[in-house]
Amino acid sequence: MHQVEPEYAVDDIAIDLSFENAEFIQGDSGDESEQLHAPPLSKSTTIKRALQELKEELGTLSPTHRFEESFAAISEYLVDLEGKVQDLTVQNAMKTIDLHNTRELYRASVEENERWATAKATPPPTAEEPRRMADVANSQLQEYMELDLEVHQAKADKEKLKLDYERIVETCAQFQKEILWCNIDVAEGKKQCLAMSQQLSGTKQLYDESQRENAELKARIESMAHENRILQKHKKLLVSEVKSQQKYSHVNITGLEQDAHEARMMQKSLSAQLDSERAVREELMVKLNAHSIGAV
């Protein structure tokens, strides 16, 4: 580059750059740009761990609080990533535009200084000088137009990234909603299982009680059958005793009639008691059969 003469180097050059809402993405910015756009290692590790935990939770279908933590980490990382992308895009665009314009201004100032320095030592410019300056202006205009196209391309890329980000956020929200419904279904299933377990426990307790009642009824039936056999034996003894005493009936007919009447009354009482015991036995058998059918 040409050296600037000392008398021009001391001049103050005021540069007023105002590129409001200007955005630019440099495609070949090198390793430094790749490092700026690369996400932090800690955030990448966190999001991978969160996705792995989410996958494990989906495999087991156990509703825990780790779902919410994983989705919170994903959302936080996406928001942080979008903010960094926007900041880096704006910073790169501003730096690139500032650097480009600074270089252009510096080159123009150097050329202007050289032109003034040459103008002092040379005769007035010929007709070729305006043409050369026009070519330089056209070249600068072409560069500015290319820069403007790059800025528009950067805006289009930003809109695309924004749409992709919105789509990812919507997908994550839909996925979180599905996980929430799955958790609700699992919770309802657990409630139903708990209710069925309680109902089964109550049924088992009722079955045990019915078994105890059946055992008690069987014991009572056996006891009543034993008493019935004893009464039958007593009846036979009384009948045989009456028959053996019939030959002495002319001696005391009144006493025998009274004994016979008492024997008949006792026989009726025993028959009634036997019928009652049979009815109770049949009722117990019906209850026993009903409990057995209900338990099955």
Protein backbone atom coordinates (compact mmCIF):
# COMPACT_ATOMS: atom_id res chain seq x y z
CA MET A 1 0.00 0.00 0.00
CA HIS A 2 1.18 3.52 -0.74
CA GLN A 3 2.54 5.64 2.05
CA VAL A 4 0.61 8.75 3.09
CA GLU A 5 2.51 11.98 3.16
CA PRO A 6 2.97 13.50 6.61
CA GLU A 7 1.08 16.67 5.78
CA TYR A 8 -2.04 14.60 5.01
CA ALA A 9 -1.56 12.07 7.75
CA VAL A 10 -2.13 14.69 10.44
CA ASP A 11 -5.61 15.53 9.15
CA ASP A 12 -8.53 14.40 11.33
CA ILE A 13 -10.94 12.17 9.46
CA ALA A 14 -14.39 11.89 11.07
CA ILE A 15 -16.22 8.68 10.15
CA ASP A 16 -19.94 8.52 10.88
CA LEU A 17 -21.27 5.00 10.25
CA SER A 18 -24.94 4.31 10.85
CA PHE A 19 -26.14 0.94 9.60
CA GLU A 20 -29.42 0.58 11.39
CA ASN A 21 -31.02 -2.89 11.16
CA ALA A 22 -28.12 -4.06 8.95
CA GLU A 23 -27.37 -7.81 9.09
CA PHE A 24 -24.68 -9.76 7.34
CA ILE A 25 -23.42 -13.37 7.47
CA GLN A 26 -19.87 -13.98 6.25
CA GLY A 27 -19.70 -17.41 4.65
CA ASP A 28 -15.93 -17.96 4.79
CA SER A 29 -15.11 -16.39 8.14
CA GLY A 30 -12.67 -19.14 9.08
CA ASP A 31 -12.10 -21.00 12.33
CA GLU A 32 -12.95 -17.99 14.50
CA SER A 33 -16.48 -17.72 13.03
CA GLU A 34 -16.99 -21.46 13.44
CA GLN A 35 -15.96 -21.19 17.07
CA LEU A 36 -18.39 -18.30 17.58
CA HIS A 37 -21.29 -20.22 16.02
CA ALA A 38 -20.45 -23.48 17.81
CA PRO A 39 -22.59 -24.14 20.93
CA PRO A 40 -20.81 -24.42 24.27
CA LEU A 41 -19.66 -27.87 25.21
CA SER A 42 -21.49 -27.79 28.54
CA LYS A 43 -24.79 -26.93 26.87
CA SER A 44 -24.31 -29.67 24.26
CA THR A 45 -23.53 -32.21 26.97
CA THR A 46 -26.57 -31.09 28.96
CA ILE A 47 -28.94 -31.41 26.00
CA LYS A 48 -27.58 -34.85 25.08
CA ARG A 49 -27.95 -36.04 28.66
CA ALA A 50 -31.47 -34.61 28.82
CA LEU A 51 -32.48 -36.35 25.58
CA GLN A 52 -30.97 -39.64 26.81
CA GLU A 53 -32.87 -39.41 30.09
CA LEU A 54 -36.04 -38.60 28.18
CA LYS A 55 -35.54 -41.65 25.97
CA GLU A 56 -35.07 -43.88 29.04
CA GLU A 57 -38.19 -42.43 30.64
CA LEU A 58 -40.20 -43.14 27.50
CA GLY A 59 -38.90 -46.70 27.48
CA THR A 60 -40.08 -47.41 31.01
CA LEU A 61 -43.25 -45.25 30.83
CA SER A 62 -42.80 -44.11 34.42
CA PRO A 63 -44.17 -40.56 34.95
CA THR A 64 -41.54 -38.66 36.93
CA HIS A 65 -40.44 -35.08 37.28
CA ARG A 66 -37.40 -35.71 35.06
CA PHE A 67 -39.60 -35.20 31.96
CA GLU A 68 -40.20 -31.60 32.92
CA GLU A 69 -36.50 -31.05 33.69
CA SER A 70 -35.47 -32.48 30.31
CA PHE A 71 -37.92 -30.34 28.39
CA ALA A 72 -36.92 -27.30 30.44
CA ALA A 73 -33.27 -27.94 29.51
CA ILE A 74 -34.22 -28.31 25.82
CA SER A 75 -36.26 -25.11 25.81
CA GLU A 76 -33.58 -23.17 27.67
CA TYR A 77 -30.90 -24.38 25.28
CA LEU A 78 -32.97 -23.49 22.20
CA VAL A 79 -33.72 -20.01 23.52
CA ASP A 80 -30.08 -19.47 24.41
CA LEU A 81 -28.99 -20.76 21.00
CA GLU A 82 -31.39 -18.48 19.15
CA GLY A 83 -30.20 -15.46 21.14
CA LYS A 84 -26.57 -16.28 20.44
CA VAL A 85 -27.24 -16.82 16.73
CA GLN A 86 -29.03 -13.49 16.47
CA ASP A 87 -26.34 -11.65 18.43
CA LEU A 88 -23.52 -13.22 16.43
CA THR A 89 -25.33 -12.53 13.15
CA VAL A 90 -25.80 -8.87 13.99
CA GLN A 91 -22.25 -8.54 15.31
CA ASN A 92 -20.72 -10.21 12.27
CA ALA A 93 -22.81 -8.09 9.92
CA MET A 94 -21.91 -4.88 11.72
CA LYS A 95 -18.22 -5.79 11.92
CA THR A 96 -18.09 -6.82 8.28
CA ILE A 97 -19.87 -3.69 7.11
CA ASP A 98 -17.76 -1.47 9.36
CA LEU A 99 -14.57 -3.14 8.20
CA HIS A 100 -15.55 -2.94 4.55
CA ASN A 101 -16.57 0.69 4.74
CA THR A 102 -13.52 1.57 6.82
CA ARG A 103 -11.29 -0.04 4.22
CA GLU A 104 -13.11 1.75 1.42
CA LEU A 105 -12.86 5.06 3.21
CA TYR A 106 -9.22 4.46 4.00
CA ARG A 107 -8.47 3.49 0.42
CA ALA A 108 -10.41 6.47 -0.88
CA SER A 109 -8.58 8.77 1.52
CA VAL A 110 -5.22 7.32 0.47
CA GLU A 111 -6.10 7.71 -3.19
CA GLU A 112 -7.32 11.23 -2.54
CA ASN A 113 -4.11 12.08 -0.69
CA GLU A 114 -2.04 10.59 -3.48
CA ARG A 115 -4.08 12.49 -6.04
CA TRP A 116 -3.56 15.76 -4.20
CA ALA A 117 0.11 15.03 -3.77
CA THR A 118 0.45 14.20 -7.44
CA ALA A 119 -1.57 17.25 -8.41
CA LYS A 120 1.03 19.53 -6.79
CA ALA A 121 3.91 18.07 -8.77
CA THR A 122 2.16 17.37 -12.06
CA PRO A 123 0.22 19.43 -14.56
CA PRO A 124 -3.62 19.55 -14.41
CA PRO A 125 -5.38 16.26 -15.07
CA THR A 126 -6.26 15.30 -18.56
CA ALA A 127 -9.62 14.11 -19.88
CA GLU A 128 -8.82 10.54 -18.75
CA GLU A 129 -8.96 11.46 -15.06
CA PRO A 130 -12.78 11.91 -14.82
CA ARG A 131 -13.23 8.63 -16.63
CA ARG A 132 -10.94 6.87 -14.18
CA MET A 133 -12.80 8.38 -11.23
CA ALA A 134 -16.10 7.30 -12.78
CA ASP A 135 -14.75 3.76 -13.10
CA VAL A 136 -13.71 3.83 -9.44
CA ALA A 137 -17.16 5.10 -8.43
CA ASN A 138 -18.83 2.39 -10.51
CA SER A 139 -16.59 -0.22 -8.88
CA GLN A 140 -17.50 1.04 -5.42
CA LEU A 141 -21.18 1.09 -6.37
CA GLN A 142 -20.91 -2.49 -7.59
CA GLU A 143 -19.29 -3.52 -4.31
CA TYR A 144 -22.02 -1.79 -2.31
CA MET A 145 -24.68 -3.54 -4.40
CA GLU A 146 -23.02 -6.90 -3.76
CA LEU A 147 -22.84 -6.08 -0.06
CA ASP A 148 -26.54 -5.19 -0.08
CA LEU A 149 -27.34 -8.52 -1.75
CA GLU A 150 -25.34 -10.30 0.95
CA VAL A 151 -27.28 -8.42 3.63
CA HIS A 152 -30.58 -9.46 2.04
CA GLN A 153 -29.34 -13.04 1.84
CA ALA A 154 -28.43 -12.88 5.51
CA LYS A 155 -31.95 -11.65 6.32
CA ALA A 156 -33.43 -14.53 4.31
CA ASP A 157 -31.20 -17.01 6.16
CA LYS A 158 -32.29 -15.48 9.45
CA GLU A 159 -35.96 -15.90 8.51
CA LYS A 160 -35.29 -19.51 7.60
CA LEU A 161 -33.54 -20.13 10.92
CA LYS A 162 -36.42 -18.44 12.71
CA LEU A 163 -38.96 -20.68 10.96
CA ASP A 164 -36.90 -23.77 11.78
CA TYR A 165 -36.67 -22.66 15.40
CA GLU A 166 -40.44 -22.09 15.60
CA ARG A 167 -41.04 -25.50 14.07
CA ILE A 168 -38.70 -27.14 16.60
CA VAL A 169 -40.39 -25.32 19.49
CA GLU A 170 -43.82 -26.37 18.22
CA THR A 171 -42.66 -29.98 17.84
CA CYS A 172 -41.24 -29.97 21.38
CA ALA A 173 -44.48 -28.50 22.73
CA GLN A 174 -46.54 -31.14 20.92
CA PHE A 175 -44.24 -33.87 22.17
CA GLN A 176 -44.46 -32.52 25.72
CA LYS A 177 -48.25 -32.48 25.42
CA GLU A 178 -48.26 -36.13 24.29
CA ILE A 179 -45.98 -37.08 27.19
CA LEU A 180 -48.33 -35.27 29.56
CA TRP A 181 -51.32 -37.21 28.24
CA CYS A 182 -49.32 -40.44 28.55
CA ASN A 183 -48.51 -39.56 32.16
CA ILE A 184 -52.20 -38.88 32.80
CA ASP A 185 -53.16 -42.25 31.26
CA VAL A 186 -50.52 -44.04 33.35
CA ALA A 187 -51.76 -42.30 36.50
CA GLU A 188 -55.35 -43.30 35.71
CA GLY A 189 -54.21 -46.87 35.10
CA LYS A 190 -52.42 -46.90 38.46
CA LYS A 191 -55.54 -45.60 40.18
CA GLN A 192 -57.62 -48.34 38.54
CA CYS A 193 -55.06 -50.98 39.52
CA LEU A 194 -55.08 -49.71 43.11
CA ALA A 195 -58.90 -49.78 43.21
CA MET A 196 -58.94 -53.30 41.76
CA SER A 197 -56.32 -54.40 44.30
CA GLN A 198 -58.44 -53.02 47.14
CA GLN A 199 -61.54 -54.68 45.70
CA LEU A 200 -59.66 -57.97 45.36
CA SER A 201 -58.45 -57.68 48.96
CA GLY A 202 -62.03 -57.07 50.14
CA THR A 203 -63.28 -60.03 48.08
CA LYS A 204 -60.55 -62.24 49.53
CA GLN A 205 -61.47 -61.16 53.06
CA LEU A 206 -65.14 -61.86 52.34
CA TYR A 207 -64.20 -65.27 50.96
CA ASP A 208 -62.23 -66.08 54.11
CA GLU A 209 -65.17 -65.02 56.26
CA SER A 210 -67.53 -67.17 54.19
CA GLN A 211 -65.15 -70.11 54.59
CA ARG A 212 -65.16 -69.64 58.37
CA GLU A 213 -68.96 -69.41 58.37
CA ASN A 214 -69.15 -72.57 56.25
CA ALA A 215 -66.89 -74.37 58.70
CA GLU A 216 -69.06 -73.21 61.61
CA LEU A 217 -72.22 -74.30 59.77
CA LYS A 218 -70.72 -77.70 59.04
CA ALA A 219 -69.82 -78.09 62.72
CA ARG A 220 -73.36 -77.12 63.75
CA ILE A 221 -74.87 -79.55 61.24
CA GLU A 222 -72.69 -82.37 62.52
CA SER A 223 -73.65 -81.50 66.11
CA MET A 224 -77.36 -81.43 65.24
CA ALA A 225 -77.05 -84.72 63.37
CA HIS A 226 -75.42 -86.25 66.44
CA GLU A 227 -78.24 -84.94 68.66
CA ASN A 228 -80.78 -86.27 66.16
CA ARG A 229 -79.26 -89.74 66.35
CA ILE A 230 -79.39 -89.58 70.15
CA LEU A 231 -83.08 -88.58 70.02
CA GLN A 232 -83.82 -91.43 67.63
CA LYS A 233 -82.22 -93.85 70.06
CA HIS A 234 -84.26 -92.40 72.93
CA LYS A 235 -87.41 -92.74 70.85
CA LYS A 236 -86.70 -96.38 70.14
CA LEU A 237 -86.05 -97.01 73.81
CA LEU A 238 -89.35 -95.35 74.78
CA VAL A 239 -91.30 -97.30 72.17
CA SER A 240 -89.78 -100.59 73.31
CA GLU A 241 -90.49 -99.65 76.92
CA VAL A 242 -94.13 -98.88 76.11
CA LYS A 243 -94.52 -102.13 74.25
CA SER A 244 -93.01 -104.07 77.13
CA GLN A 245 -95.40 -102.42 79.57
CA GLN A 246 -98.56 -103.05 77.51
CA LYS A 247 -99.19 -106.44 79.18
CA TYR A 248 -99.54 -104.67 82.49
CA SER A 249 -101.99 -102.11 81.15
CA HIS A 250 -105.00 -103.62 82.96
CA VAL A 251 -103.30 -103.00 86.29
CA ASN A 252 -103.13 -99.24 85.97
CA ILE A 253 -104.74 -98.24 82.69
CA THR A 254 -105.02 -94.63 83.70
CA GLY A 255 -101.31 -94.34 84.43
CA LEU A 256 -100.47 -96.15 81.24
CA GLU A 257 -102.71 -93.86 79.25
CA GLN A 258 -101.05 -90.88 80.85
CA ASP A 259 -97.60 -92.34 80.12
CA ALA A 260 -98.68 -93.06 76.56
CA HIS A 261 -99.99 -89.55 76.18
CA GLU A 262 -96.73 -88.15 77.52
CA ALA A 263 -94.82 -90.46 75.21
CA ARG A 264 -96.89 -89.28 72.23
CA MET A 265 -96.35 -85.65 73.21
CA MET A 266 -92.64 -86.27 73.55
CA GLN A 267 -92.66 -88.04 70.20
CA LYS A 268 -94.41 -85.06 68.58
CA SER A 269 -91.95 -82.70 70.23
CA LEU A 270 -89.06 -84.80 69.02
CA SER A 271 -90.58 -84.94 65.52
CA ALA A 272 -91.07 -81.17 65.49
CA GLN A 273 -87.54 -80.65 66.74
CA LEU A 274 -86.27 -83.08 64.11
CA ASP A 275 -88.16 -81.23 61.38
CA SER A 276 -86.79 -77.93 62.66
CA GLU A 277 -83.28 -79.34 62.65
CA ARG A 278 -83.78 -80.61 59.10
CA ALA A 279 -85.05 -77.18 57.98
CA VAL A 280 -82.07 -75.48 59.61
CA ARG A 281 -79.78 -78.03 58.00
CA GLU A 282 -81.29 -77.44 54.56
CA GLU A 283 -81.02 -73.66 55.05
CA LEU A 284 -77.39 -74.03 56.08
CA MET A 285 -76.72 -76.21 53.05
CA VAL A 286 -78.30 -73.58 50.77
CA LYS A 287 -76.17 -70.83 52.33
CA LEU A 288 -73.09 -73.01 52.04
CA ASN A 289 -73.76 -73.65 48.35
CA ALA A 290 -74.42 -69.93 47.77
CA HIS A 291 -71.16 -68.94 49.47
CA SER A 292 -69.25 -71.57 47.49
CA ILE A 293 -70.71 -70.30 44.19
CA GLY A 294 -70.01 -66.65 45.15
CA ALA A 295 -66.41 -67.47 46.09
CA VAL A 296 -65.82 -69.22 42.75
